[in-house]
Every structure is written in structure tokens, then in C-alpha cells.
Amino acid sequence: MRRNTYFVAVFLIFITVTVLHFLRILWDWPARIGTWDVPMWLSWLAVLLAGALAYQSYRLRKMG
């Protein structure tokens, strides 16, 4: 896999995760894993981390 293709794939994955977690926060979607209710603060953390990783992959692709 070429370097630019890799960074585009990583960007698309992380931006999708970011958008889905943001929509969960915005529309107050419940999330449950087994019997555990996933707290909303975890989605905020996921938005920050996945967004940062998406940004980094976008930036690295532009540098490449």
C-alpha cells in the first residue's frame, strides 16, 4: 500500500469514528456493551482522540 493511500484510509476511519461519536453526543444516543452503559464522557474523549488522529493523518498525507 502506498503511503498516501494509507493516510487516506486512516483519515476516513478516524473521521467516521469522530462523526459517529459526535452524533451520539448531539442526539443523546444510548450505547451499551453487554450490560455496561457507555458513559457520554467516553464519547467526548473519543471525539477528541479520533479527531486528533484524523487531523494528524490528513496533515501527514499533505506533507508526504
C-alpha atoms as a PDB file:
ATOM      1  CA  MET A   1       0.000   0.000   0.000  1.00  0.00           C
ATOM      2  CA  ARG A   2       1.318   3.410  -0.902  1.00  0.00           C
ATOM      3  CA  ARG A   3       1.909   5.954   1.836  1.00  0.00           C
ATOM      4  CA  ASN A   4      -0.761   8.408   0.651  1.00  0.00           C
ATOM      5  CA  THR A   5      -3.315   5.612   0.315  1.00  0.00           C
ATOM      6  CA  TYR A   6      -2.580   4.521   3.873  1.00  0.00           C
ATOM      7  CA  PHE A   7      -3.053   8.023   5.277  1.00  0.00           C
ATOM      8  CA  VAL A   8      -6.318   8.489   3.374  1.00  0.00           C
ATOM      9  CA  ALA A   9      -7.631   5.163   4.710  1.00  0.00           C
ATOM     10  CA  VAL A  10      -6.624   6.070   8.279  1.00  0.00           C
ATOM     11  CA  PHE A  11      -8.205   9.516   7.900  1.00  0.00           C
ATOM     12  CA  LEU A  12     -11.501   8.041   6.673  1.00  0.00           C
ATOM     13  CA  ILE A  13     -11.655   5.538   9.525  1.00  0.00           C
ATOM     14  CA  PHE A  14     -10.930   8.088  12.249  1.00  0.00           C
ATOM     15  CA  ILE A  15     -13.169  10.810  10.820  1.00  0.00           C
ATOM     16  CA  THR A  16     -16.017   8.269  10.694  1.00  0.00           C
ATOM     17  CA  VAL A  17     -15.444   7.363  14.346  1.00  0.00           C
ATOM     18  CA  THR A  18     -15.309  11.062  15.242  1.00  0.00           C
ATOM     19  CA  VAL A  19     -18.556  11.884  13.442  1.00  0.00           C
ATOM     20  CA  LEU A  20     -20.427   8.912  14.898  1.00  0.00           C
ATOM     21  CA  HIS A  21     -19.377   9.738  18.451  1.00  0.00           C
ATOM     22  CA  PHE A  22     -20.266  13.389  17.915  1.00  0.00           C
ATOM     23  CA  LEU A  23     -23.707  12.374  16.629  1.00  0.00           C
ATOM     24  CA  ARG A  24     -24.129  10.166  19.692  1.00  0.00           C
ATOM     25  CA  ILE A  25     -23.433  13.179  21.896  1.00  0.00           C
ATOM     26  CA  LEU A  26     -25.606  15.523  19.838  1.00  0.00           C
ATOM     27  CA  TRP A  27     -28.646  13.233  19.658  1.00  0.00           C
ATOM     28  CA  ASP A  28     -28.111  11.552  23.040  1.00  0.00           C
ATOM     29  CA  TRP A  29     -27.927   8.052  21.565  1.00  0.00           C
ATOM     30  CA  PRO A  30     -27.536   5.319  24.164  1.00  0.00           C
ATOM     31  CA  ALA A  31     -24.622   2.915  23.851  1.00  0.00           C
ATOM     32  CA  ARG A  32     -24.381  -0.390  25.640  1.00  0.00           C
ATOM     33  CA  ILE A  33     -21.708  -3.068  25.614  1.00  0.00           C
ATOM     34  CA  GLY A  34     -23.174  -6.162  27.196  1.00  0.00           C
ATOM     35  CA  THR A  35     -24.701  -4.908  30.429  1.00  0.00           C
ATOM     36  CA  TRP A  36     -22.456  -1.829  30.646  1.00  0.00           C
ATOM     37  CA  ASP A  37     -23.915   1.545  29.662  1.00  0.00           C
ATOM     38  CA  VAL A  38     -21.177   3.543  27.968  1.00  0.00           C
ATOM     39  CA  PRO A  39     -20.962   6.986  29.627  1.00  0.00           C
ATOM     40  CA  MET A  40     -21.253  10.098  27.475  1.00  0.00           C
ATOM     41  CA  TRP A  41     -17.876  11.411  28.668  1.00  0.00           C
ATOM     42  CA  LEU A  42     -16.273   8.461  26.898  1.00  0.00           C
ATOM     43  CA  SER A  43     -17.725   9.682  23.604  1.00  0.00           C
ATOM     44  CA  TRP A  44     -16.304  13.148  24.279  1.00  0.00           C
ATOM     45  CA  LEU A  45     -12.911  11.537  24.796  1.00  0.00           C
ATOM     46  CA  ALA A  46     -13.346   9.508  21.596  1.00  0.00           C
ATOM     47  CA  VAL A  47     -14.222  12.674  19.645  1.00  0.00           C
ATOM     48  CA  LEU A  48     -11.057  14.374  20.865  1.00  0.00           C
ATOM     49  CA  LEU A  49      -8.730  11.422  20.302  1.00  0.00           C
ATOM     50  CA  ALA A  50     -10.155  10.202  16.996  1.00  0.00           C
ATOM     51  CA  GLY A  51     -10.379  13.780  15.734  1.00  0.00           C
ATOM     52  CA  ALA A  52      -6.740  14.382  16.606  1.00  0.00           C
ATOM     53  CA  LEU A  53      -5.688  11.172  14.861  1.00  0.00           C
ATOM     54  CA  ALA A  54      -7.743  12.068  11.774  1.00  0.00           C
ATOM     55  CA  TYR A  55      -6.135  15.503  11.689  1.00  0.00           C
ATOM     56  CA  GLN A  56      -2.649  14.037  12.037  1.00  0.00           C
ATOM     57  CA  SER A  57      -3.185  11.549   9.225  1.00  0.00           C
ATOM     58  CA  TYR A  58      -4.541  14.338   6.997  1.00  0.00           C
ATOM     59  CA  ARG A  59      -1.556  16.533   7.823  1.00  0.00           C
ATOM     60  CA  LEU A  60       0.947  13.727   7.225  1.00  0.00           C
ATOM     61  CA  ARG A  61      -0.623  12.958   3.853  1.00  0.00           C
ATOM     62  CA  LYS A  62      -0.218  16.600   2.831  1.00  0.00           C
ATOM     63  CA  MET A  63       3.446  16.542   3.895  1.00  0.00           C
ATOM     64  CA  GLY A  64       4.189  13.342   2.024  1.00  0.00           C
END
